[in-house]
Amino acid sequence: MSVVIDPAFDPIPSLRSVADVVVTAEEPADARARACYIPSEGDLPDCDGLGDLDRDALAAAGFTGAKNQTLLLPGSPLRVLVGIGEGIETSAQLRDAVAAFTRAAREAATLVIDLRGDAVDARTAAQVATEGAILARYRYDALKGDPKTVALETVTLLVESADVDAAREGVERGRILARAAGLARDLANTPPRHLSAVKFAEIAEKLGPEFGLEVESFDRQQLMDLGTGGLLGVNAGSTEEPRMIKVSYRPENATDETAHLALVGKGIMYDSGGISLKPSNAMHAAMKFDMMGAAAVFASMTSLRELGVGTAVTGWLMCTDNMPSGSATKLGDVLTIRGGKTVEVKNTDAEGRLVMADGLVLATEEERRPDAIVDIATLTGAAMMALGTRTAAMLANNDALAEQLQAAADASDENTWRLPLDHRYRDQLKSNVADLSNIGGQYAGVILAALFLNEFVDGLPWGHLDIAGTMQAESDDLWRSVGSTGFGARLLTEFAAAFEAPETEG
């Protein structure tokens, strides 16, 4: 039985509604809401609208100036006091403060943010303020008949006259980065019935050329011809076709000497666990987010041309759902990955590494071999248990590459923590009937998953981001809106923009 989907449904609404961000040194006349930053100690700043308010009056209202605390003062324009603790010293703190203001002023379509005298340089301040405002107002309401979110129309950034040009550059970069994160969020928030692997490929094929990307998708027969046994094995229980989506970006005037980066994204459009069925709990319901790695790769690549990235980038999006049925892969089955390595499936819910293995091998086989490979996946619950919901696990076989990934994480405030690629656990992946097992023992699940993937990178510099813990926010949290966080889209963009080919270690 076919299911009717509204033909007017737009799975990527955030691309159609991006706020106008204005930089000026002149006071605007039409603001609906304005921020006033209040430290936790010392004299109150000279903000219009504070009137006779003092520390005692604010304390009586429960406002102490603690970091990202807010208090609304009625009037026109609406004044929003935003606590900044001991002060704003970093770009991440400024992004958070702007997001706190934007959330507090949720009914205002036009905002004014004063960046004059900020400790962060004007270009960076404008960039992160733009990101903070746009991402904080994000809401996925594509399937609501009467959405209540007030869309941002205009954000005005006040800067010193000498900083206007630099701030405008920052705004443009911030808009591009926020758009990438919004696109990743849209894709991940879309219900799996509305966004199959086939539909994702159609969106990529339509949208990619608008951003200077070449997109090629591979159907089941083509995947059989390629020998991608991991992707096909995971897809075996589904009525939906799989797709591998290859996305290519080549900078202008690229030569054989141009650095080349490969990005591999896990695209499990819905993960039931397969025969190793997940329990019917809240985490099962969140498994539409299991394609966030692929969403992050594609979304980040839509930013590359506009940012003038000088590195060639190839993305491999490995897309299917993972469903139980009479034809599904069984425990004990052996799959043959692209390139010939065999894997015994001991748990069908450890499916992400199977589809990623095919993508990693294909990345190593390109005629112009990449200088490095980075994969990103909502891979293990162990990552969430170890690091919680605000920090992703990062593992790498190359220290220089790991340092570049950490720098990108710092710039985007999409936090990562490097875990060891400890080869002492490698024996746990041995199989009696195949080259590898897809799971190891009870412990060190993040490391074991990474060790499995490392088997398929052919010695190239490689980094792995396990974003299982960071894939969603259960409630609004500063610039992280409820639902998909879009984690990785801005991180990968920052990483590609600053990428330098590392030397192979060992």
Protein backbone atom coordinates (compact mmCIF):
# COMPACT_ATOMS: atom_id res chain seq x y z
CA MET A 1 0.00 0.00 0.00
CA SER A 2 1.47 3.34 -1.01
CA VAL A 3 1.36 6.27 1.36
CA VAL A 4 0.32 9.67 0.05
CA ILE A 5 2.72 12.48 0.94
CA ASP A 6 1.54 16.06 0.49
CA PRO A 7 3.20 17.17 -2.78
CA ALA A 8 3.56 20.70 -1.36
CA PHE A 9 5.67 19.43 1.54
CA ASP A 10 9.04 21.18 1.71
CA PRO A 11 11.64 19.13 3.62
CA ILE A 12 14.16 21.99 3.77
CA PRO A 13 12.19 25.08 4.85
CA SER A 14 15.10 26.86 6.53
CA LEU A 15 16.69 27.54 3.13
CA ARG A 16 13.64 29.61 2.23
CA SER A 17 13.50 31.82 5.31
CA VAL A 18 16.86 33.35 6.20
CA ALA A 19 16.80 36.61 8.13
CA ASP A 20 18.24 39.83 6.73
CA VAL A 21 21.27 40.79 8.84
CA VAL A 22 22.23 44.47 8.67
CA VAL A 23 25.48 46.04 9.88
CA THR A 24 25.42 49.71 10.80
CA ALA A 25 27.07 52.32 12.96
CA GLU A 26 23.78 54.27 13.19
CA GLU A 27 21.07 53.67 15.76
CA PRO A 28 18.07 51.96 14.09
CA ALA A 29 14.61 53.41 14.58
CA ASP A 30 12.39 50.34 14.16
CA ALA A 31 13.70 47.64 16.50
CA ARG A 32 11.15 45.42 18.22
CA ALA A 33 13.69 44.08 20.73
CA ARG A 34 17.12 45.11 21.93
CA ALA A 35 19.70 43.33 24.09
CA CYS A 36 21.42 44.81 27.13
CA TYR A 37 24.33 42.77 28.49
CA ILE A 38 24.62 42.75 32.27
CA PRO A 39 27.69 41.42 34.13
CA SER A 40 27.23 39.63 37.43
CA GLU A 41 29.29 42.20 39.35
CA GLY A 42 30.18 45.89 39.12
CA ASP A 43 28.24 48.90 37.90
CA LEU A 44 25.31 48.40 35.59
CA PRO A 45 26.03 49.40 31.98
CA ASP A 46 24.48 52.51 30.44
CA CYS A 47 21.56 50.84 28.62
CA ASP A 48 18.48 52.75 27.48
CA GLY A 49 15.44 51.40 29.29
CA LEU A 50 17.12 50.48 32.57
CA GLY A 51 15.80 53.67 34.12
CA ASP A 52 16.12 53.65 37.91
CA LEU A 53 16.75 49.93 38.13
CA ASP A 54 19.68 48.92 40.30
CA ARG A 55 21.24 45.65 41.46
CA ASP A 56 18.77 45.26 44.30
CA ALA A 57 15.78 45.71 42.00
CA LEU A 58 17.15 43.19 39.52
CA ALA A 59 17.94 40.71 42.28
CA ALA A 60 14.37 41.04 43.55
CA ALA A 61 13.23 39.96 40.09
CA GLY A 62 15.56 36.95 40.29
CA PHE A 63 18.12 38.38 37.86
CA THR A 64 21.76 38.21 38.97
CA GLY A 65 23.61 38.61 35.67
CA ALA A 66 24.63 34.96 35.60
CA LYS A 67 25.78 33.77 32.21
CA ASN A 68 22.92 33.61 29.68
CA GLN A 69 20.22 34.47 32.22
CA THR A 70 17.57 36.77 30.76
CA LEU A 71 14.99 39.27 32.02
CA LEU A 72 12.45 41.07 29.84
CA LEU A 73 11.64 44.74 30.50
CA PRO A 74 8.34 45.75 28.88
CA GLY A 75 8.23 48.69 26.52
CA SER A 76 8.88 49.59 22.93
CA PRO A 77 11.34 48.42 21.95
CA LEU A 78 11.37 45.42 24.26
CA ARG A 79 14.51 45.44 26.40
CA VAL A 80 16.07 42.08 27.18
CA LEU A 81 18.68 41.94 29.88
CA VAL A 82 21.18 39.17 29.19
CA GLY A 83 23.56 38.02 31.90
CA ILE A 84 27.19 37.68 30.86
CA GLY A 85 28.73 36.58 34.15
CA GLU A 86 32.27 37.92 34.40
CA GLY A 87 32.09 39.16 30.82
CA ILE A 88 32.26 38.00 27.21
CA GLU A 89 35.78 36.95 26.35
CA THR A 90 35.35 34.35 23.60
CA SER A 91 33.38 33.96 20.40
CA ALA A 92 31.51 30.98 21.86
CA GLN A 93 30.36 33.08 24.82
CA LEU A 94 29.14 35.81 22.47
CA ARG A 95 27.26 33.30 20.29
CA ASP A 96 25.58 31.95 23.43
CA ALA A 97 24.64 35.43 24.70
CA VAL A 98 23.07 36.40 21.37
CA ALA A 99 21.16 33.11 21.31
CA ALA A 100 19.88 33.72 24.85
CA PHE A 101 18.64 37.16 23.78
CA THR A 102 16.99 35.80 20.64
CA ARG A 103 15.14 33.11 22.57
CA ALA A 104 13.94 35.57 25.22
CA ALA A 105 12.67 37.94 22.50
CA ARG A 106 10.78 35.11 20.80
CA GLU A 107 7.87 37.32 19.72
CA ALA A 108 10.06 39.92 18.02
CA ALA A 109 10.76 39.79 14.28
CA THR A 110 13.40 42.55 14.35
CA LEU A 111 16.32 42.51 16.77
CA VAL A 112 19.13 44.93 17.59
CA ILE A 113 22.45 43.61 18.92
CA ASP A 114 25.12 46.07 20.01
CA LEU A 115 28.63 44.73 19.31
CA ARG A 116 30.47 47.95 20.06
CA GLY A 117 33.27 47.60 22.55
CA ASP A 118 33.12 43.81 22.49
CA ALA A 119 36.26 41.88 23.37
CA VAL A 120 35.88 39.76 20.22
CA ASP A 121 37.14 41.29 16.95
CA ALA A 122 34.41 42.82 14.78
CA ARG A 123 34.51 40.24 11.99
CA THR A 124 34.28 37.27 14.33
CA ALA A 125 31.74 39.00 16.56
CA ALA A 126 29.45 39.66 13.61
CA GLN A 127 29.82 36.08 12.39
CA VAL A 128 28.95 34.40 15.70
CA ALA A 129 26.18 36.89 16.46
CA THR A 130 24.61 36.04 13.11
CA GLU A 131 24.92 32.32 13.82
CA GLY A 132 23.53 32.68 17.33
CA ALA A 133 20.46 34.64 16.26
CA ILE A 134 19.54 32.51 13.24
CA LEU A 135 20.14 29.16 14.90
CA ALA A 136 18.31 30.11 18.10
CA ARG A 137 15.17 31.10 16.18
CA TYR A 138 15.22 27.89 14.12
CA ARG A 139 12.12 25.74 14.43
CA TYR A 140 11.11 22.77 12.30
CA ASP A 141 7.44 23.36 11.59
CA ALA A 142 7.17 22.09 8.01
CA LEU A 143 4.37 19.70 8.98
CA LYS A 144 2.40 22.05 11.25
CA GLY A 145 -0.80 23.54 9.90
CA ASP A 146 -0.50 26.65 12.06
CA PRO A 147 3.13 27.22 13.08
CA LYS A 148 3.53 29.64 15.96
CA THR A 149 7.19 30.57 15.53
CA VAL A 150 7.79 34.24 14.74
CA ALA A 151 10.32 34.28 11.92
CA LEU A 152 13.26 36.62 12.13
CA GLU A 153 12.96 39.36 9.53
CA THR A 154 15.86 41.66 10.39
CA VAL A 155 18.80 41.47 12.76
CA THR A 156 20.68 44.74 13.11
CA LEU A 157 24.26 44.63 14.37
CA LEU A 158 25.61 47.86 15.79
CA VAL A 159 29.38 48.33 15.34
CA GLU A 160 31.90 51.14 15.32
CA SER A 161 32.16 53.04 12.02
CA ALA A 162 35.66 51.71 11.39
CA ASP A 163 34.45 48.12 11.77
CA VAL A 164 31.52 48.12 9.34
CA ASP A 165 33.33 46.44 6.44
CA ALA A 166 34.90 43.74 8.60
CA ALA A 167 31.58 43.08 10.32
CA ARG A 168 29.80 42.69 6.98
CA GLU A 169 32.34 40.03 6.01
CA GLY A 170 31.61 38.26 9.29
CA VAL A 171 27.87 38.44 8.71
CA GLU A 172 28.20 36.80 5.30
CA ARG A 173 30.26 33.96 6.74
CA GLY A 174 27.87 33.56 9.65
CA ARG A 175 24.86 33.38 7.34
CA ILE A 176 26.54 30.66 5.26
CA LEU A 177 27.43 28.61 8.33
CA ALA A 178 23.99 29.03 9.91
CA ARG A 179 22.35 28.05 6.63
CA ALA A 180 24.43 24.85 6.54
CA ALA A 181 23.42 23.94 10.09
CA GLY A 182 19.79 24.73 9.30
CA LEU A 183 19.88 22.49 6.24
CA ALA A 184 21.34 19.63 8.27
CA ARG A 185 18.66 20.15 10.92
CA ASP A 186 15.88 20.19 8.32
CA LEU A 187 17.04 16.94 6.77
CA ALA A 188 17.42 15.16 10.11
CA ASN A 189 14.14 16.48 11.52
CA THR A 190 12.15 15.29 8.51
CA PRO A 191 10.19 12.11 9.35
CA PRO A 192 11.57 8.94 7.74
CA ARG A 193 8.36 8.38 5.78
CA HIS A 194 8.95 11.76 4.15
CA LEU A 195 12.70 11.38 3.64
CA SER A 196 13.81 8.02 2.35
CA ALA A 197 17.25 7.35 0.88
CA VAL A 198 15.76 7.81 -2.59
CA LYS A 199 14.21 11.16 -1.61
CA PHE A 200 17.49 12.32 -0.04
CA ALA A 201 19.25 11.56 -3.32
CA GLU A 202 16.63 13.54 -5.24
CA ILE A 203 17.08 16.54 -2.94
CA ALA A 204 20.88 16.36 -3.27
CA GLU A 205 20.68 16.10 -7.06
CA LYS A 206 18.40 19.12 -7.23
CA LEU A 207 20.07 21.28 -4.60
CA GLY A 208 23.74 20.43 -5.14
CA PRO A 209 24.26 22.23 -8.47
CA GLU A 210 22.83 25.43 -6.96
CA PHE A 211 25.90 25.44 -4.70
CA GLY A 212 28.49 24.38 -7.26
CA LEU A 213 28.38 20.68 -6.42
CA GLU A 214 28.37 17.71 -8.75
CA VAL A 215 26.03 15.01 -7.45
CA GLU A 216 25.80 11.39 -8.55
CA SER A 217 23.54 8.81 -6.93
CA PHE A 218 23.84 5.03 -7.17
CA ASP A 219 20.78 2.73 -7.08
CA ARG A 220 20.61 -0.85 -5.86
CA GLN A 221 21.82 -2.42 -9.11
CA GLN A 222 24.75 -0.02 -9.34
CA LEU A 223 25.62 -0.75 -5.72
CA MET A 224 25.55 -4.46 -6.49
CA ASP A 225 27.90 -3.84 -9.41
CA LEU A 226 30.22 -1.92 -7.07
CA GLY A 227 30.20 -4.74 -4.52
CA THR A 228 29.05 -2.60 -1.60
CA GLY A 229 28.01 -5.55 0.53
CA GLY A 230 27.81 -3.55 3.76
CA LEU A 231 25.24 -1.08 2.46
CA LEU A 232 23.26 -3.77 0.66
CA GLY A 233 23.33 -6.07 3.67
CA VAL A 234 21.86 -3.40 5.92
CA ASN A 235 19.24 -2.59 3.29
CA ALA A 236 18.23 -6.25 2.84
CA GLY A 237 15.25 -6.06 5.20
CA SER A 238 13.77 -2.89 3.70
CA THR A 239 11.19 -2.25 1.02
CA GLU A 240 12.95 1.07 0.31
CA GLU A 241 15.87 1.18 -2.12
CA PRO A 242 19.28 2.23 -0.81
CA ARG A 243 21.27 5.06 -2.30
CA MET A 244 24.90 6.02 -2.22
CA ILE A 245 25.21 9.72 -2.98
CA LYS A 246 28.56 11.00 -4.20
CA VAL A 247 28.97 14.76 -3.89
CA SER A 248 31.98 16.50 -5.43
CA TYR A 249 33.31 20.02 -4.95
CA ARG A 250 36.21 21.28 -7.01
CA PRO A 251 37.56 24.80 -6.43
CA GLU A 252 38.22 27.09 -9.35
CA ASN A 253 41.63 26.60 -10.94
CA ALA A 254 42.10 23.25 -9.16
CA THR A 255 45.19 21.32 -10.25
CA ASP A 256 46.68 17.91 -9.52
CA GLU A 257 48.45 19.57 -6.58
CA THR A 258 45.22 20.82 -5.00
CA ALA A 259 44.60 19.26 -1.59
CA HIS A 260 41.84 16.65 -1.62
CA LEU A 261 39.62 15.74 1.32
CA ALA A 262 37.09 12.91 1.52
CA LEU A 263 34.08 13.07 3.86
CA VAL A 264 32.00 9.95 4.57
CA GLY A 265 28.60 10.28 6.24
CA LYS A 266 26.37 7.65 7.80
CA GLY A 267 22.89 7.96 6.33
CA ILE A 268 20.65 5.45 8.11
CA MET A 269 17.34 7.12 7.32
CA TYR A 270 15.65 5.15 10.11
CA ASP A 271 17.25 2.58 12.35
CA SER A 272 14.94 -0.03 13.85
CA GLY A 273 17.97 -2.15 14.78
CA GLY A 274 17.05 -4.76 12.17
CA ILE A 275 16.71 -8.29 13.55
CA SER A 276 18.46 -6.98 16.71
CA LEU A 277 15.38 -4.84 17.23
CA LYS A 278 15.69 -1.79 19.45
CA PRO A 279 13.33 -1.43 22.43
CA SER A 280 10.32 0.79 21.81
CA ASN A 281 11.45 3.75 23.86
CA ALA A 282 12.35 7.40 23.33
CA MET A 283 15.69 6.53 21.74
CA HIS A 284 13.96 4.31 19.19
CA ALA A 285 11.68 7.20 18.31
CA ALA A 286 14.75 9.39 17.74
CA MET A 287 16.20 7.07 15.12
CA LYS A 288 15.15 9.34 12.28
CA PHE A 289 18.27 11.26 13.36
CA ASP A 290 20.50 8.31 12.45
CA MET A 291 21.26 9.94 9.10
CA MET A 292 22.73 13.08 10.64
CA GLY A 293 26.26 12.23 9.55
CA ALA A 294 25.21 12.22 5.90
CA ALA A 295 23.14 15.38 6.47
CA ALA A 296 26.14 17.14 8.02
CA VAL A 297 28.43 16.19 5.14
CA PHE A 298 26.01 17.35 2.47
CA ALA A 299 25.06 20.55 4.30
CA SER A 300 28.70 21.48 4.92
CA MET A 301 29.53 21.00 1.26
CA THR A 302 26.85 23.51 0.20
CA SER A 303 29.01 26.17 1.91
CA LEU A 304 32.32 25.50 0.19
CA ARG A 305 31.98 27.54 -2.99
CA GLU A 306 30.66 30.66 -1.27
CA LEU A 307 33.47 30.53 1.28
CA GLY A 308 36.07 30.14 -1.48
CA VAL A 309 37.43 26.90 -0.03
CA GLY A 310 40.60 25.95 -1.91
CA THR A 311 40.51 22.22 -1.08
CA ALA A 312 38.76 19.70 -3.32
CA VAL A 313 36.18 17.76 -1.31
CA THR A 314 34.37 14.53 -2.13
CA GLY A 315 31.44 13.43 0.00
CA TRP A 316 30.15 9.88 0.25
CA LEU A 317 26.65 9.62 1.73
CA MET A 318 25.77 6.01 2.56
CA CYS A 319 21.99 5.92 2.78
CA THR A 320 19.43 3.25 3.65
CA ASP A 321 17.05 2.38 6.43
CA ASN A 322 17.63 -0.64 8.68
CA MET A 323 14.47 -2.71 9.00
CA PRO A 324 13.47 -6.23 10.19
CA SER A 325 11.73 -8.54 7.75
CA GLY A 326 11.94 -12.02 6.29
CA SER A 327 14.71 -10.88 3.97
CA ALA A 328 16.74 -8.96 6.57
CA THR A 329 20.34 -9.79 7.35
CA LYS A 330 20.52 -12.31 10.18
CA LEU A 331 22.96 -12.67 13.05
CA GLY A 332 25.76 -14.88 11.82
CA ASP A 333 25.47 -13.76 8.19
CA VAL A 334 28.71 -12.74 6.49
CA LEU A 335 28.82 -9.63 4.29
CA THR A 336 31.53 -8.80 1.77
CA ILE A 337 32.56 -5.15 1.89
CA ARG A 338 33.74 -3.30 -1.21
CA GLY A 339 37.33 -4.46 -1.77
CA GLY A 340 36.72 -8.02 -0.58
CA LYS A 341 37.01 -7.92 3.21
CA THR A 342 34.38 -10.11 4.89
CA VAL A 343 32.44 -9.23 8.04
CA GLU A 344 30.43 -11.52 10.30
CA VAL A 345 27.33 -9.74 11.55
CA LYS A 346 26.92 -10.46 15.25
CA ASN A 347 24.51 -7.58 15.86
CA THR A 348 22.36 -6.00 13.14
CA ASP A 349 22.05 -2.85 15.25
CA ALA A 350 25.76 -2.23 14.67
CA GLU A 351 24.87 -1.38 11.09
CA GLY A 352 26.37 2.06 10.67
CA ARG A 353 29.94 0.79 10.51
CA LEU A 354 28.91 -1.64 7.76
CA VAL A 355 27.63 1.05 5.41
CA MET A 356 30.52 3.36 6.33
CA ALA A 357 33.08 0.67 5.47
CA ASP A 358 31.93 0.65 1.83
CA GLY A 359 32.19 4.44 1.69
CA LEU A 360 35.66 4.50 3.22
CA VAL A 361 36.96 1.94 0.72
CA LEU A 362 35.49 3.84 -2.22
CA ALA A 363 37.08 7.04 -0.94
CA THR A 364 40.52 5.39 -0.92
CA GLU A 365 40.04 4.14 -4.49
CA GLU A 366 39.52 7.51 -6.14
CA GLU A 367 41.91 8.25 -8.99
CA ARG A 368 43.15 11.28 -7.08
CA ARG A 369 43.53 9.69 -3.65
CA PRO A 370 42.45 11.96 -0.83
CA ASP A 371 45.04 13.49 1.45
CA ALA A 372 42.77 12.62 4.36
CA ILE A 373 39.42 11.02 5.12
CA VAL A 374 37.02 12.13 7.83
CA ASP A 375 33.87 10.19 8.63
CA ILE A 376 30.97 11.35 10.76
CA ALA A 377 28.26 9.11 12.18
CA THR A 378 25.69 8.71 14.93
CA LEU A 379 27.50 5.48 15.62
CA THR A 380 27.45 4.26 19.23
CA GLY A 381 25.39 4.69 22.36
CA ALA A 382 28.72 4.26 24.13
CA ALA A 383 29.72 7.75 22.93
CA MET A 384 26.70 9.22 24.70
CA MET A 385 27.37 7.22 27.86
CA ALA A 386 30.99 8.40 27.92
CA LEU A 387 30.64 12.05 26.92
CA GLY A 388 26.98 12.99 27.31
CA THR A 389 24.93 15.06 24.90
CA ARG A 390 27.15 18.11 24.40
CA THR A 391 30.44 16.54 23.30
CA ALA A 392 31.16 14.22 20.38
CA ALA A 393 33.83 11.53 20.41
CA MET A 394 36.76 12.06 18.04
CA LEU A 395 39.33 9.40 17.15
CA ALA A 396 42.08 9.54 14.56
CA ASN A 397 45.09 7.66 13.26
CA ASN A 398 46.95 10.91 12.63
CA ASP A 399 47.77 13.58 15.24
CA ALA A 400 47.99 16.48 12.77
CA LEU A 401 44.57 15.67 11.39
CA ALA A 402 43.14 15.38 14.91
CA GLU A 403 44.51 18.83 15.73
CA GLN A 404 42.76 20.29 12.68
CA LEU A 405 39.49 18.67 13.67
CA GLN A 406 39.84 20.02 17.21
CA ALA A 407 40.50 23.53 15.87
CA ALA A 408 37.32 23.32 13.79
CA ALA A 409 35.39 22.10 16.82
CA ASP A 410 36.68 25.05 18.84
CA ALA A 411 35.72 27.54 16.11
CA SER A 412 32.19 26.17 15.75
CA ASP A 413 31.66 25.40 19.45
CA GLU A 414 30.60 21.91 18.38
CA ASN A 415 32.64 20.24 21.07
CA THR A 416 34.71 17.11 20.56
CA TRP A 417 36.92 15.05 22.86
CA ARG A 418 39.65 12.85 21.45
CA LEU A 419 39.62 9.24 22.59
CA PRO A 420 42.49 6.82 21.97
CA LEU A 421 42.53 4.52 18.95
CA ASP A 422 43.74 1.75 21.21
CA HIS A 423 44.82 -1.22 19.08
CA ARG A 424 45.04 -3.48 22.13
CA TYR A 425 41.28 -4.00 21.68
CA ARG A 426 41.62 -5.05 18.03
CA ASP A 427 41.52 -8.80 18.82
CA GLN A 428 37.93 -8.41 19.98
CA LEU A 429 36.91 -7.88 16.34
CA LYS A 430 38.20 -11.29 15.25
CA SER A 431 35.75 -13.76 13.74
CA ASN A 432 35.93 -17.53 13.37
CA VAL A 433 34.30 -17.42 9.93
CA ALA A 434 35.19 -14.02 8.42
CA ASP A 435 37.93 -11.41 8.38
CA LEU A 436 36.15 -9.30 11.01
CA SER A 437 33.18 -9.20 13.34
CA ASN A 438 31.05 -6.06 13.36
CA ILE A 439 31.11 -5.84 17.18
CA GLY A 440 33.57 -6.61 19.95
CA GLY A 441 33.15 -7.05 23.67
CA GLN A 442 30.96 -5.34 26.23
CA TYR A 443 33.25 -2.38 26.88
CA ALA A 444 35.10 0.32 24.88
CA GLY A 445 32.31 0.46 22.29
CA VAL A 446 33.43 3.80 20.80
CA ILE A 447 37.00 2.60 20.36
CA LEU A 448 35.97 -0.76 18.92
CA ALA A 449 33.73 0.91 16.34
CA ALA A 450 36.58 3.22 15.32
CA LEU A 451 39.03 0.31 15.13
CA PHE A 452 36.59 -1.42 12.78
CA LEU A 453 36.42 1.62 10.50
CA ASN A 454 40.19 2.03 10.58
CA GLU A 455 40.44 -1.34 8.81
CA PHE A 456 39.07 0.24 5.64
CA VAL A 457 41.08 3.47 5.21
CA ASP A 458 44.15 1.85 3.62
CA GLY A 459 46.59 3.71 5.88
CA LEU A 460 45.44 7.19 4.82
CA PRO A 461 45.23 9.94 7.46
CA TRP A 462 41.76 9.48 8.91
CA GLY A 463 39.54 11.01 11.55
CA HIS A 464 36.27 9.74 12.97
CA LEU A 465 33.50 11.75 14.64
CA ASP A 466 30.93 9.81 16.66
CA ILE A 467 28.04 12.24 17.10
CA ALA A 468 25.46 9.86 18.61
CA GLY A 469 25.27 11.83 21.85
CA THR A 470 25.08 15.25 20.20
CA MET A 471 22.54 14.47 17.49
CA GLN A 472 19.53 16.03 19.21
CA ALA A 473 18.43 18.52 21.83
CA GLU A 474 15.45 17.45 23.92
CA SER A 475 14.61 21.09 24.64
CA ASP A 476 15.72 24.51 23.43
CA ASP A 477 19.23 25.27 24.65
CA LEU A 478 20.76 28.58 23.54
CA TRP A 479 21.50 28.18 19.80
CA ARG A 480 20.59 24.48 19.88
CA SER A 481 16.91 24.19 19.04
CA VAL A 482 14.77 21.23 20.06
CA GLY A 483 15.17 18.31 17.68
CA SER A 484 18.16 17.81 15.46
CA THR A 485 21.14 19.96 16.40
CA GLY A 486 22.70 19.79 12.94
CA PHE A 487 25.91 18.93 14.77
CA GLY A 488 28.87 18.63 12.44
CA ALA A 489 27.73 20.84 9.57
CA ARG A 490 29.56 23.94 10.80
CA LEU A 491 32.45 21.89 12.21
CA LEU A 492 33.10 20.21 8.85
CA THR A 493 32.81 23.53 7.04
CA GLU A 494 35.39 25.13 9.33
CA PHE A 495 37.58 22.06 8.94
CA ALA A 496 37.45 22.04 5.14
CA ALA A 497 38.03 25.80 4.95
CA ALA A 498 41.28 25.54 6.93
CA PHE A 499 42.37 22.08 5.77
CA GLU A 500 46.05 21.35 5.24
CA ALA A 501 47.13 17.94 3.98
CA PRO A 502 48.77 16.05 6.86
CA GLU A 503 51.74 13.78 6.43
CA THR A 504 51.07 10.07 6.76
CA GLU A 505 52.30 8.78 10.11
CA GLY A 506 54.24 5.58 10.56
